[in-house]
């Protein structure tokens, strides 16, 4: 896979995803992604984005100010 920004090679990696909602901050660690070896651009596939949306929705309903969750452990 090629990076759409610099045309470098993309490799499987992990990243940390931050969501700042008005009532809370959610941090999801070890999110699977594709990372460009040249420029560092991060790309998430559709399945990961859908799961992140579900994680954020679930955590945001818990009435907490800051939540740090592990991607693989979160429902």
Protein backbone atom coordinates (compact mmCIF):
# COMPACT_ATOMS: atom_id res chain seq x y z
CA UNK A 1 0.00 0.00 0.00
CA UNK A 2 1.28 3.50 -0.87
CA UNK A 3 0.84 6.69 1.15
CA UNK A 4 -1.55 9.08 -0.56
CA UNK A 5 0.53 12.08 0.63
CA UNK A 6 4.12 11.19 -0.23
CA UNK A 7 3.79 7.82 -2.04
CA UNK A 8 5.94 6.11 0.62
CA UNK A 9 5.31 2.53 1.74
CA UNK A 10 2.63 1.94 4.39
CA UNK A 11 3.32 -0.62 7.12
CA UNK A 12 1.03 -2.10 9.79
CA UNK A 13 1.41 -0.28 13.10
CA UNK A 14 -0.55 0.99 16.09
CA UNK A 15 -1.47 4.50 17.21
CA UNK A 16 -3.24 6.28 20.04
CA UNK A 17 -6.63 7.82 19.21
CA UNK A 18 -7.78 10.93 21.14
CA UNK A 19 -11.38 12.18 21.26
CA UNK A 20 -12.17 15.43 23.06
CA UNK A 21 -15.89 15.59 23.79
CA UNK A 22 -17.39 18.50 25.68
CA UNK A 23 -17.96 16.39 28.79
CA UNK A 24 -14.96 14.05 28.65
CA UNK A 25 -11.66 13.11 27.01
CA UNK A 26 -11.30 9.57 25.65
CA UNK A 27 -7.92 8.03 24.85
CA UNK A 28 -7.82 4.69 23.02
CA UNK A 29 -4.38 3.05 23.02
CA UNK A 30 -2.90 0.54 20.57
CA UNK A 31 -5.33 1.18 17.71
CA UNK A 32 -4.32 -0.82 14.61
CA UNK A 33 -3.42 1.39 11.67
CA UNK A 34 -1.28 1.78 8.57
CA UNK A 35 1.70 4.13 9.03
CA UNK A 36 3.83 5.62 6.25
CA UNK A 37 7.49 4.71 6.67
CA UNK A 38 8.50 7.99 5.00
CA UNK A 39 6.22 10.77 6.32
CA UNK A 40 4.45 9.09 9.28
CA UNK A 41 0.91 9.60 7.93
CA UNK A 42 -1.63 7.35 9.72
CA UNK A 43 -4.55 5.63 7.97
CA UNK A 44 -7.32 3.69 9.73
CA UNK A 45 -9.38 1.13 7.85
CA UNK A 46 -13.19 1.15 7.88
CA UNK A 47 -13.50 -1.72 10.36
CA UNK A 48 -11.23 0.03 12.88
CA UNK A 49 -13.12 3.33 12.48
CA UNK A 50 -16.44 1.56 13.11
CA UNK A 51 -15.06 -0.08 16.25
CA UNK A 52 -13.61 3.24 17.47
CA UNK A 53 -17.03 4.87 16.99
CA UNK A 54 -18.62 2.12 19.11
CA UNK A 55 -15.93 2.44 21.81
CA UNK A 56 -16.33 6.24 21.98
CA UNK A 57 -20.13 5.97 22.16
CA UNK A 58 -19.95 3.35 24.91
CA UNK A 59 -17.36 5.21 27.00
CA UNK A 60 -19.03 8.62 26.58
CA UNK A 61 -22.21 7.25 28.18
CA UNK A 62 -20.33 6.34 31.38
CA UNK A 63 -20.24 9.86 32.87
CA UNK A 64 -16.47 10.02 33.33
CA UNK A 65 -14.19 12.98 32.72
CA UNK A 66 -11.17 11.11 31.32
CA UNK A 67 -11.12 7.55 30.02
CA UNK A 68 -8.07 5.62 28.82
CA UNK A 69 -8.91 2.28 27.20
CA UNK A 70 -7.01 -0.44 25.39
CA UNK A 71 -8.36 -1.00 21.86
CA UNK A 72 -8.23 -4.80 22.13
CA UNK A 73 -9.94 -4.83 25.54
CA UNK A 74 -12.77 -2.40 24.70
CA UNK A 75 -16.12 -3.59 23.45
